[in-house]
PDB file of N, CA and C in Angstrom:
ATOM      1  N   MET A   1       0.819  -1.183   0.000  1.00  0.00           N
ATOM      2  CA  MET A   1       0.000   0.000   0.000  1.00  0.00           C
ATOM      3  C   MET A   1       0.871   1.259   0.000  1.00  0.00           C
ATOM      4  N   LEU A   2       1.941   1.217   0.760  1.00  0.00           N
ATOM      5  CA  LEU A   2       2.839   2.374   0.824  1.00  0.00           C
ATOM      6  C   LEU A   2       3.434   2.678  -0.543  1.00  0.00           C
ATOM      7  N   ILE A   3       3.759   1.650  -1.280  1.00  0.00           N
ATOM      8  CA  ILE A   3       4.371   1.839  -2.583  1.00  0.00           C
ATOM      9  C   ILE A   3       3.388   2.494  -3.545  1.00  0.00           C
ATOM     10  N   SER A   4       2.121   2.115  -3.475  1.00  0.00           N
ATOM     11  CA  SER A   4       1.139   2.743  -4.371  1.00  0.00           C
ATOM     12  C   SER A   4       0.916   4.203  -4.006  1.00  0.00           C
ATOM     13  N   ILE A   5       1.014   4.546  -2.742  1.00  0.00           N
ATOM     14  CA  ILE A   5       0.885   5.954  -2.348  1.00  0.00           C
ATOM     15  C   ILE A   5       2.071   6.754  -2.876  1.00  0.00           C
ATOM     16  N   ILE A   6       3.268   6.177  -2.782  1.00  0.00           N
ATOM     17  CA  ILE A   6       4.448   6.877  -3.290  1.00  0.00           C
ATOM     18  C   ILE A   6       4.366   7.028  -4.806  1.00  0.00           C
ATOM     19  N   ALA A   7       3.931   5.966  -5.491  1.00  0.00           N
ATOM     20  CA  ALA A   7       3.912   5.982  -6.953  1.00  0.00           C
ATOM     21  C   ALA A   7       2.838   6.912  -7.510  1.00  0.00           C
ATOM     22  N   ASN A   8       1.684   6.967  -6.877  1.00  0.00           N
ATOM     23  CA  ASN A   8       0.565   7.727  -7.429  1.00  0.00           C
ATOM     24  C   ASN A   8       0.193   8.960  -6.626  1.00  0.00           C
ATOM     25  N   GLY A   9       0.805   9.157  -5.488  1.00  0.00           N
ATOM     26  CA  GLY A   9       0.384  10.234  -4.605  1.00  0.00           C
ATOM     27  C   GLY A   9       1.157  11.520  -4.813  1.00  0.00           C
ATOM     28  N   SER A  10       0.863  12.447  -3.940  1.00  0.00           N
ATOM     29  CA  SER A  10       1.554  13.728  -3.950  1.00  0.00           C
ATOM     30  C   SER A  10       1.895  14.074  -2.500  1.00  0.00           C
ATOM     31  N   TYR A  11       2.351  15.287  -2.291  1.00  0.00           N
ATOM     32  CA  TYR A  11       2.750  15.677  -0.938  1.00  0.00           C
ATOM     33  C   TYR A  11       1.576  15.773   0.017  1.00  0.00           C
ATOM     34  N   ARG A  12       0.385  15.940  -0.491  1.00  0.00           N
ATOM     35  CA  ARG A  12      -0.771  16.009   0.416  1.00  0.00           C
ATOM     36  C   ARG A  12      -1.108  14.646   1.010  1.00  0.00           C
ATOM     37  N   ASP A  13      -0.511  13.586   0.456  1.00  0.00           N
ATOM     38  CA  ASP A  13      -0.700  12.248   1.008  1.00  0.00           C
ATOM     39  C   ASP A  13       0.310  11.936   2.103  1.00  0.00           C
ATOM     40  N   GLY A  14       0.986  12.930   2.588  1.00  0.00           N
ATOM     41  CA  GLY A  14       2.003  12.748   3.614  1.00  0.00           C
ATOM     42  C   GLY A  14       1.528  12.051   4.875  1.00  0.00           C
ATOM     43  N   PRO A  15       0.371  12.427   5.434  1.00  0.00           N
ATOM     44  CA  PRO A  15      -0.091  11.725   6.640  1.00  0.00           C
ATOM     45  C   PRO A  15      -0.335  10.237   6.417  1.00  0.00           C
ATOM     46  N   ALA A  16      -0.857   9.867   5.260  1.00  0.00           N
ATOM     47  CA  ALA A  16      -1.068   8.445   4.976  1.00  0.00           C
ATOM     48  C   ALA A  16       0.272   7.730   4.841  1.00  0.00           C
ATOM     49  N   LEU A  17       1.240   8.402   4.232  1.00  0.00           N
ATOM     50  CA  LEU A  17       2.573   7.826   4.087  1.00  0.00           C
ATOM     51  C   LEU A  17       3.197   7.577   5.457  1.00  0.00           C
ATOM     52  N   ILE A  18       3.046   8.513   6.349  1.00  0.00           N
ATOM     53  CA  ILE A  18       3.577   8.360   7.707  1.00  0.00           C
ATOM     54  C   ILE A  18       2.882   7.217   8.435  1.00  0.00           C
ATOM     55  N   ALA A  19       1.587   7.074   8.240  1.00  0.00           N
ATOM     56  CA  ALA A  19       0.844   5.992   8.892  1.00  0.00           C
ATOM     57  C   ALA A  19       1.306   4.621   8.400  1.00  0.00           C
ATOM     58  N   PHE A  20       1.550   4.487   7.096  1.00  0.00           N
ATOM     59  CA  PHE A  20       2.010   3.201   6.579  1.00  0.00           C
ATOM     60  C   PHE A  20       3.444   2.901   6.993  1.00  0.00           C
ATOM     61  N   LEU A  21       4.274   3.918   7.111  1.00  0.00           N
ATOM     62  CA  LEU A  21       5.623   3.697   7.629  1.00  0.00           C
ATOM     63  C   LEU A  21       5.580   3.269   9.095  1.00  0.00           C
ATOM     64  N   ALA A  22       4.662   3.830   9.867  1.00  0.00           N
ATOM     65  CA  ALA A  22       4.504   3.422  11.262  1.00  0.00           C
ATOM     66  C   ALA A  22       4.066   1.964  11.338  1.00  0.00           C
ATOM     67  N   LEU A  23       3.242   1.522  10.401  1.00  0.00           N
ATOM     68  CA  LEU A  23       2.829   0.123  10.363  1.00  0.00           C
ATOM     69  C   LEU A  23       4.036  -0.782  10.090  1.00  0.00           C
ATOM     70  N   LYS A  24       4.950  -0.327   9.266  1.00  0.00           N
ATOM     71  CA  LYS A  24       6.160  -1.111   9.001  1.00  0.00           C
ATOM     72  C   LYS A  24       6.980  -1.269  10.276  1.00  0.00           C
ATOM     73  N   TYR A  25       7.013  -0.240  11.120  1.00  0.00           N
ATOM     74  CA  TYR A  25       7.754  -0.340  12.373  1.00  0.00           C
ATOM     75  C   TYR A  25       7.159  -1.390  13.307  1.00  0.00           C
ATOM     76  N   LEU A  26       5.851  -1.598  13.251  1.00  0.00           N
ATOM     77  CA  LEU A  26       5.244  -2.662  14.050  1.00  0.00           C
ATOM     78  C   LEU A  26       5.746  -4.032  13.602  1.00  0.00           C
ATOM     79  N   PHE A  27       5.908  -4.208  12.299  1.00  0.00           N
ATOM     80  CA  PHE A  27       6.459  -5.463  11.810  1.00  0.00           C
ATOM     81  C   PHE A  27       7.926  -5.610  12.206  1.00  0.00           C
ATOM     82  N   CYS A  28       8.657  -4.510  12.237  1.00  0.00           N
ATOM     83  CA  CYS A  28      10.052  -4.563  12.696  1.00  0.00           C
ATOM     84  C   CYS A  28      10.119  -4.987  14.162  1.00  0.00           C
ATOM     85  N   PHE A  29       9.187  -4.513  14.964  1.00  0.00           N
ATOM     86  CA  PHE A  29       9.136  -4.925  16.365  1.00  0.00           C
ATOM     87  C   PHE A  29       8.810  -6.419  16.457  1.00  0.00           C
ATOM     88  N   GLY A  30       7.912  -6.887  15.617  1.00  0.00           N
ATOM     89  CA  GLY A  30       7.614  -8.321  15.579  1.00  0.00           C
ATOM     90  C   GLY A  30       8.813  -9.142  15.165  1.00  0.00           C
ATOM     91  N   LEU A  31       9.650  -8.576  14.308  1.00  0.00           N
ATOM     92  CA  LEU A  31      10.873  -9.250  13.886  1.00  0.00           C
ATOM     93  C   LEU A  31      11.831  -9.413  15.066  1.00  0.00           C
ATOM     94  N   LEU A  32      11.898  -8.414  15.920  1.00  0.00           N
ATOM     95  CA  LEU A  32      12.734  -8.525  17.115  1.00  0.00           C
ATOM     96  C   LEU A  32      12.248  -9.619  18.052  1.00  0.00           C
ATOM     97  N   ARG A  33      10.953  -9.878  18.020  1.00  0.00           N
ATOM     98  CA  ARG A  33      10.376 -10.930  18.861  1.00  0.00           C
ATOM     99  C   ARG A  33      10.359 -12.283  18.162  1.00  0.00           C
ATOM    100  N   ARG A  34      11.004 -12.349  17.005  1.00  0.00           N
ATOM    101  CA  ARG A  34      11.147 -13.565  16.199  1.00  0.00           C
ATOM    102  C   ARG A  34       9.798 -14.152  15.784  1.00  0.00           C
ATOM    103  N   ARG A  35       8.960 -13.295  15.243  1.00  0.00           N
ATOM    104  CA  ARG A  35       7.674 -13.726  14.712  1.00  0.00           C
ATOM    105  C   ARG A  35       7.823 -13.983  13.212  1.00  0.00           C
ATOM    106  N   PRO A  36       7.570 -15.215  12.756  1.00  0.00           N
ATOM    107  CA  PRO A  36       7.736 -15.524  11.332  1.00  0.00           C
ATOM    108  C   PRO A  36       6.811 -14.706  10.425  1.00  0.00           C
ATOM    109  N   GLY A  37       5.630 -14.358  10.900  1.00  0.00           N
ATOM    110  CA  GLY A  37       4.714 -13.545  10.097  1.00  0.00           C
ATOM    111  C   GLY A  37       5.269 -12.150   9.841  1.00  0.00           C
ATOM    112  N   ALA A  38       5.950 -11.587  10.818  1.00  0.00           N
ATOM    113  CA  ALA A  38       6.569 -10.274  10.647  1.00  0.00           C
ATOM    114  C   ALA A  38       7.717 -10.361   9.642  1.00  0.00           C
ATOM    115  N   TRP A  39       8.460 -11.463   9.671  1.00  0.00           N
ATOM    116  CA  TRP A  39       9.547 -11.664   8.710  1.00  0.00           C
ATOM    117  C   TRP A  39       8.993 -11.706   7.294  1.00  0.00           C
ATOM    118  N   LEU A  40       7.925 -12.464   7.109  1.00  0.00           N
ATOM    119  CA  LEU A  40       7.320 -12.573   5.778  1.00  0.00           C
ATOM    120  C   LEU A  40       6.742 -11.241   5.319  1.00  0.00           C
ATOM    121  N   ALA A  41       6.096 -10.510   6.223  1.00  0.00           N
ATOM    122  CA  ALA A  41       5.521  -9.213   5.858  1.00  0.00           C
ATOM    123  C   ALA A  41       6.606  -8.226   5.423  1.00  0.00           C
ATOM    124  N   LEU A  42       7.722  -8.184   6.133  1.00  0.00           N
ATOM    125  CA  LEU A  42       8.805  -7.282   5.751  1.00  0.00           C
ATOM    126  C   LEU A  42       9.475  -7.721   4.451  1.00  0.00           C
ATOM    127  N   LEU A  43       9.586  -9.030   4.247  1.00  0.00           N
ATOM    128  CA  LEU A  43      10.150  -9.512   2.994  1.00  0.00           C
ATOM    129  C   LEU A  43       9.262  -9.108   1.816  1.00  0.00           C
ATOM    130  N   LEU A  44       7.970  -9.274   1.951  1.00  0.00           N
ATOM    131  CA  LEU A  44       7.047  -8.867   0.892  1.00  0.00           C
ATOM    132  C   LEU A  44       7.070  -7.355   0.681  1.00  0.00           C
ATOM    133  N   PHE A  45       7.193  -6.601   1.756  1.00  0.00           N
ATOM    134  CA  PHE A  45       7.272  -5.145   1.652  1.00  0.00           C
ATOM    135  C   PHE A  45       8.496  -4.724   0.848  1.00  0.00           C
ATOM    136  N   GLU A  46       9.636  -5.326   1.129  1.00  0.00           N
ATOM    137  CA  GLU A  46      10.871  -4.949   0.441  1.00  0.00           C
ATOM    138  C   GLU A  46      10.876  -5.409  -1.011  1.00  0.00           C
ATOM    139  N   VAL A  47      10.311  -6.571  -1.291  1.00  0.00           N
ATOM    140  CA  VAL A  47      10.218  -7.026  -2.681  1.00  0.00           C
ATOM    141  C   VAL A  47       9.315  -6.083  -3.471  1.00  0.00           C
ATOM    142  N   THR A  48       8.212  -5.652  -2.861  1.00  0.00           N
ATOM    143  CA  THR A  48       7.310  -4.714  -3.519  1.00  0.00           C
ATOM    144  C   THR A  48       7.992  -3.362  -3.738  1.00  0.00           C
ATOM    145  N   ALA A  49       8.778  -2.925  -2.766  1.00  0.00           N
ATOM    146  CA  ALA A  49       9.493  -1.654  -2.920  1.00  0.00           C
ATOM    147  C   ALA A  49      10.511  -1.735  -4.051  1.00  0.00           C
ATOM    148  N   ALA A  50      11.196  -2.866  -4.168  1.00  0.00           N
ATOM    149  CA  ALA A  50      12.169  -3.024  -5.247  1.00  0.00           C
ATOM    150  C   ALA A  50      11.472  -3.029  -6.605  1.00  0.00           C
ATOM    151  N   ALA A  51      10.338  -3.715  -6.692  1.00  0.00           N
ATOM    152  CA  ALA A  51       9.599  -3.753  -7.956  1.00  0.00           C
ATOM    153  C   ALA A  51       9.048  -2.377  -8.310  1.00  0.00           C
ATOM    154  N   ALA A  52       8.554  -1.654  -7.320  1.00  0.00           N
ATOM    155  CA  ALA A  52       7.999  -0.325  -7.585  1.00  0.00           C
ATOM    156  C   ALA A  52       9.086   0.648  -8.036  1.00  0.00           C
ATOM    157  N   ALA A  53      10.275   0.510  -7.485  1.00  0.00           N
ATOM    158  CA  ALA A  53      11.369   1.393  -7.906  1.00  0.00           C
ATOM    159  C   ALA A  53      11.769   1.128  -9.355  1.00  0.00           C
ATOM    160  N   LEU A  54      11.600  -0.097  -9.803  1.00  0.00           N
ATOM    161  CA  LEU A  54      11.942  -0.421 -11.190  1.00  0.00           C
ATOM    162  C   LEU A  54      10.927   0.118 -12.193  1.00  0.00           C
ATOM    163  N   VAL A  55       9.651   0.105 -11.830  1.00  0.00           N
ATOM    164  CA  VAL A  55       8.616   0.404 -12.820  1.00  0.00           C
ATOM    165  C   VAL A  55       8.021   1.805 -12.716  1.00  0.00           C
ATOM    166  N   LYS A  56       8.355   2.569 -11.692  1.00  0.00           N
ATOM    167  CA  LYS A  56       7.772   3.899 -11.567  1.00  0.00           C
ATOM    168  C   LYS A  56       8.314   4.815 -12.667  1.00  0.00           C
ATOM    169  N   PRO A  57       7.430   5.400 -13.469  1.00  0.00           N
ATOM    170  CA  PRO A  57       7.903   6.279 -14.545  1.00  0.00           C
ATOM    171  C   PRO A  57       8.360   7.633 -13.994  1.00  0.00           C
ATOM    172  N   GLY A  58       9.365   8.186 -14.629  1.00  0.00           N
ATOM    173  CA  GLY A  58       9.821   9.525 -14.283  1.00  0.00           C
ATOM    174  C   GLY A  58      10.702   9.612 -13.053  1.00  0.00           C
ATOM    175  N   LEU A  59      11.100   8.488 -12.498  1.00  0.00           N
ATOM    176  CA  LEU A  59      11.959   8.501 -11.313  1.00  0.00           C
ATOM    177  C   LEU A  59      13.407   8.690 -11.756  1.00  0.00           C
ATOM    178  N   PRO A  60      14.110   9.679 -11.196  1.00  0.00           N
ATOM    179  CA  PRO A  60      15.513   9.882 -11.583  1.00  0.00           C
ATOM    180  C   PRO A  60      16.359   8.646 -11.264  1.00  0.00           C
ATOM    181  N   ILE A  61      17.398   8.443 -12.036  1.00  0.00           N
ATOM    182  CA  ILE A  61      18.219   7.237 -11.921  1.00  0.00           C
ATOM    183  C   ILE A  61      18.876   7.121 -10.551  1.00  0.00           C
ATOM    184  N   TYR A  62      19.275   8.231  -9.935  1.00  0.00           N
ATOM    185  CA  TYR A  62      19.919   8.138  -8.621  1.00  0.00           C
ATOM    186  C   TYR A  62      18.926   7.720  -7.548  1.00  0.00           C
ATOM    187  N   GLU A  63      17.670   8.184  -7.641  1.00  0.00           N
ATOM    188  CA  GLU A  63      16.651   7.745  -6.681  1.00  0.00           C
ATOM    189  C   GLU A  63      16.293   6.281  -6.896  1.00  0.00           C
ATOM    190  N   ARG A  64      16.199   5.893  -8.155  1.00  0.00           N
ATOM    191  CA  ARG A  64      15.892   4.498  -8.478  1.00  0.00           C
ATOM    192  C   ARG A  64      16.994   3.573  -7.947  1.00  0.00           C
ATOM    193  N   THR A  65      18.246   3.976  -8.147  1.00  0.00           N
ATOM    194  CA  THR A  65      19.375   3.172  -7.688  1.00  0.00           C
ATOM    195  C   THR A  65      19.416   3.103  -6.168  1.00  0.00           C
ATOM    196  N   LEU A  66      19.188   4.218  -5.509  1.00  0.00           N
ATOM    197  CA  LEU A  66      19.197   4.244  -4.046  1.00  0.00           C
ATOM    198  C   LEU A  66      18.107   3.353  -3.472  1.00  0.00           C
ATOM    199  N   GLU A  67      16.906   3.415  -4.019  1.00  0.00           N
ATOM    200  CA  GLU A  67      15.808   2.577  -3.535  1.00  0.00           C
ATOM    201  C   GLU A  67      16.086   1.104  -3.784  1.00  0.00           C
ATOM    202  N   GLU A  68      16.636   0.793  -4.949  1.00  0.00           N
ATOM    203  CA  GLU A  68      16.969  -0.602  -5.256  1.00  0.00           C
ATOM    204  C   GLU A  68      18.042  -1.128  -4.307  1.00  0.00           C
ATOM    205  N   MET A  69      19.066  -0.328  -4.059  1.00  0.00           N
ATOM    206  CA  MET A  69      20.136  -0.767  -3.169  1.00  0.00           C
ATOM    207  C   MET A  69      19.621  -0.983  -1.747  1.00  0.00           C
ATOM    208  N   ALA A  70      18.770  -0.099  -1.268  1.00  0.00           N
ATOM    209  CA  ALA A  70      18.222  -0.245   0.082  1.00  0.00           C
ATOM    210  C   ALA A  70      17.328  -1.477   0.171  1.00  0.00           C
ATOM    211  N   SER A  71      16.507  -1.702  -0.838  1.00  0.00           N
ATOM    212  CA  SER A  71      15.616  -2.868  -0.815  1.00  0.00           C
ATOM    213  C   SER A  71      16.399  -4.170  -0.899  1.00  0.00           C
ATOM    214  N   VAL A  72      17.390  -4.219  -1.767  1.00  0.00           N
ATOM    215  CA  VAL A  72      18.188  -5.439  -1.901  1.00  0.00           C
ATOM    216  C   VAL A  72      18.976  -5.709  -0.623  1.00  0.00           C
ATOM    217  N   ALA A  73      19.490  -4.671   0.013  1.00  0.00           N
ATOM    218  CA  ALA A  73      20.209  -4.854   1.278  1.00  0.00           C
ATOM    219  C   ALA A  73      19.280  -5.419   2.350  1.00  0.00           C
ATOM    220  N   CYS A  74      18.064  -4.914   2.423  1.00  0.00           N
ATOM    221  CA  CYS A  74      17.107  -5.438   3.403  1.00  0.00           C
ATOM    222  C   CYS A  74      16.727  -6.875   3.099  1.00  0.00           C
ATOM    223  N   ILE A  75      16.554  -7.200   1.823  1.00  0.00           N
ATOM    224  CA  ILE A  75      16.207  -8.569   1.445  1.00  0.00           C
ATOM    225  C   ILE A  75      17.342  -9.525   1.801  1.00  0.00           C
ATOM    226  N   VAL A  76      18.580  -9.112   1.559  1.00  0.00           N
ATOM    227  CA  VAL A  76      19.729  -9.959   1.907  1.00  0.00           C
ATOM    228  C   VAL A  76      19.806 -10.159   3.418  1.00  0.00           C
ATOM    229  N   LEU A  77      19.600  -9.102   4.189  1.00  0.00           N
ATOM    230  CA  LEU A  77      19.633  -9.237   5.650  1.00  0.00           C
ATOM    231  C   LEU A  77      18.490 -10.108   6.165  1.00  0.00           C
ATOM    232  N   LEU A  78      17.317  -9.973   5.577  1.00  0.00           N
ATOM    233  CA  LEU A  78      16.194 -10.823   5.974  1.00  0.00           C
ATOM    234  C   LEU A  78      16.461 -12.283   5.627  1.00  0.00           C
ATOM    235  N   ALA A  79      17.064 -12.528   4.476  1.00  0.00           N
ATOM    236  CA  ALA A  79      17.389 -13.903   4.095  1.00  0.00           C
ATOM    237  C   ALA A  79      18.431 -14.499   5.042  1.00  0.00           C
ATOM    238  N   ALA A  80      19.397 -13.701   5.449  1.00  0.00           N
ATOM    239  CA  ALA A  80      20.413 -14.184   6.384  1.00  0.00           C
ATOM    240  C   ALA A  80      19.819 -14.463   7.760  1.00  0.00           C
ATOM    241  N   ALA A  81      18.790 -13.728   8.131  1.00  0.00           N
ATOM    242  CA  ALA A  81      18.175 -13.902   9.445  1.00  0.00           C
ATOM    243  C   ALA A  81      17.125 -15.006   9.474  1.00  0.00           C
ATOM    244  N   ALA A  82      16.842 -15.616   8.353  1.00  0.00           N
ATOM    245  CA  ALA A  82      15.779 -16.627   8.297  1.00  0.00           C
ATOM    246  C   ALA A  82      16.084 -17.833   9.177  1.00  0.00           C
ATOM    247  N   THR A  83      17.348 -18.146   9.371  1.00  0.00           N
ATOM    248  CA  THR A  83      17.697 -19.315  10.179  1.00  0.00           C
ATOM    249  C   THR A  83      17.480 -19.086  11.671  1.00  0.00           C
ATOM    250  N   VAL A  84      17.311 -17.857  12.088  1.00  0.00           N
ATOM    251  CA  VAL A  84      17.132 -17.532  13.502  1.00  0.00           C
ATOM    252  C   VAL A  84      15.712 -17.871  13.973  1.00  0.00           C
ATOM    253  N   PHE A  85      14.777 -17.873  13.066  1.00  0.00           N
ATOM    254  CA  PHE A  85      13.381 -18.076  13.433  1.00  0.00           C
ATOM    255  C   PHE A  85      13.103 -19.548  13.679  1.00  0.00           C
ATOM    256  N   PRO A  86      12.157 -19.838  14.577  1.00  0.00           N
ATOM    257  CA  PRO A  86      11.864 -21.243  14.890  1.00  0.00           C
ATOM    258  C   PRO A  86      11.239 -21.969  13.695  1.00  0.00           C
ATOM    259  N   SER A  87      11.544 -23.262  13.602  1.00  0.00           N
ATOM    260  CA  SER A  87      10.975 -24.056  12.528  1.00  0.00           C
ATOM    261  C   SER A  87       9.506 -24.328  12.808  1.00  0.00           C
ATOM    262  N   PRO A  88       8.686 -24.382  11.768  1.00  0.00           N
ATOM    263  CA  PRO A  88       7.273 -24.697  12.002  1.00  0.00           C
ATOM    264  C   PRO A  88       7.120 -26.166  12.430  1.00  0.00           C
ATOM    265  N   ARG A  89       6.168 -26.383  13.290  1.00  0.00           N
ATOM    266  CA  ARG A  89       5.904 -27.738  13.773  1.00  0.00           C
ATOM    267  C   ARG A  89       4.469 -28.107  13.454  1.00  0.00           C
ATOM    268  N   LEU A  90       4.307 -29.293  12.939  1.00  0.00           N
ATOM    269  CA  LEU A  90       2.976 -29.797  12.652  1.00  0.00           C
ATOM    270  C   LEU A  90       2.323 -30.281  13.935  1.00  0.00           C
ATOM    271  N   PRO A  91       1.022 -30.107  14.053  1.00  0.00           N
ATOM    272  CA  PRO A  91       0.350 -30.575  15.264  1.00  0.00           C
ATOM    273  C   PRO A  91       0.350 -32.107  15.334  1.00  0.00           C
ATOM    274  N   THR A  92       0.498 -32.614  16.535  1.00  0.00           N
ATOM    275  CA  THR A  92       0.457 -34.061  16.722  1.00  0.00           C
ATOM    276  C   THR A  92      -0.924 -34.449  17.219  1.00  0.00           C
ATOM    277  N   SER A  93      -1.375 -35.600  16.763  1.00  0.00           N
ATOM    278  CA  SER A  93      -2.719 -36.009  17.206  1.00  0.00           C
ATOM    279  C   SER A  93      -2.671 -37.030  18.302  1.00  0.00           C
TER     280      SER A  93
END
């Protein structure tokens, strides 16, 4: 949702942008508590940000490169942290 606001919005959408960034911080807090759902949500957020940086028309090359580098760095760090999370367990009957 944040990516669509950035891609199609303007400066008057600033409060909504701040609200969605605050929502991302909640997932970051869940990541500190080793919640697998928070890990997946942040991974999807960063993949979406990387895709949006590639396809947004009119974005200067330095902004596009900066966004891509930040998203790829986050994806690499999330992939490295995947082993820290507990393995899923199937219920026993």
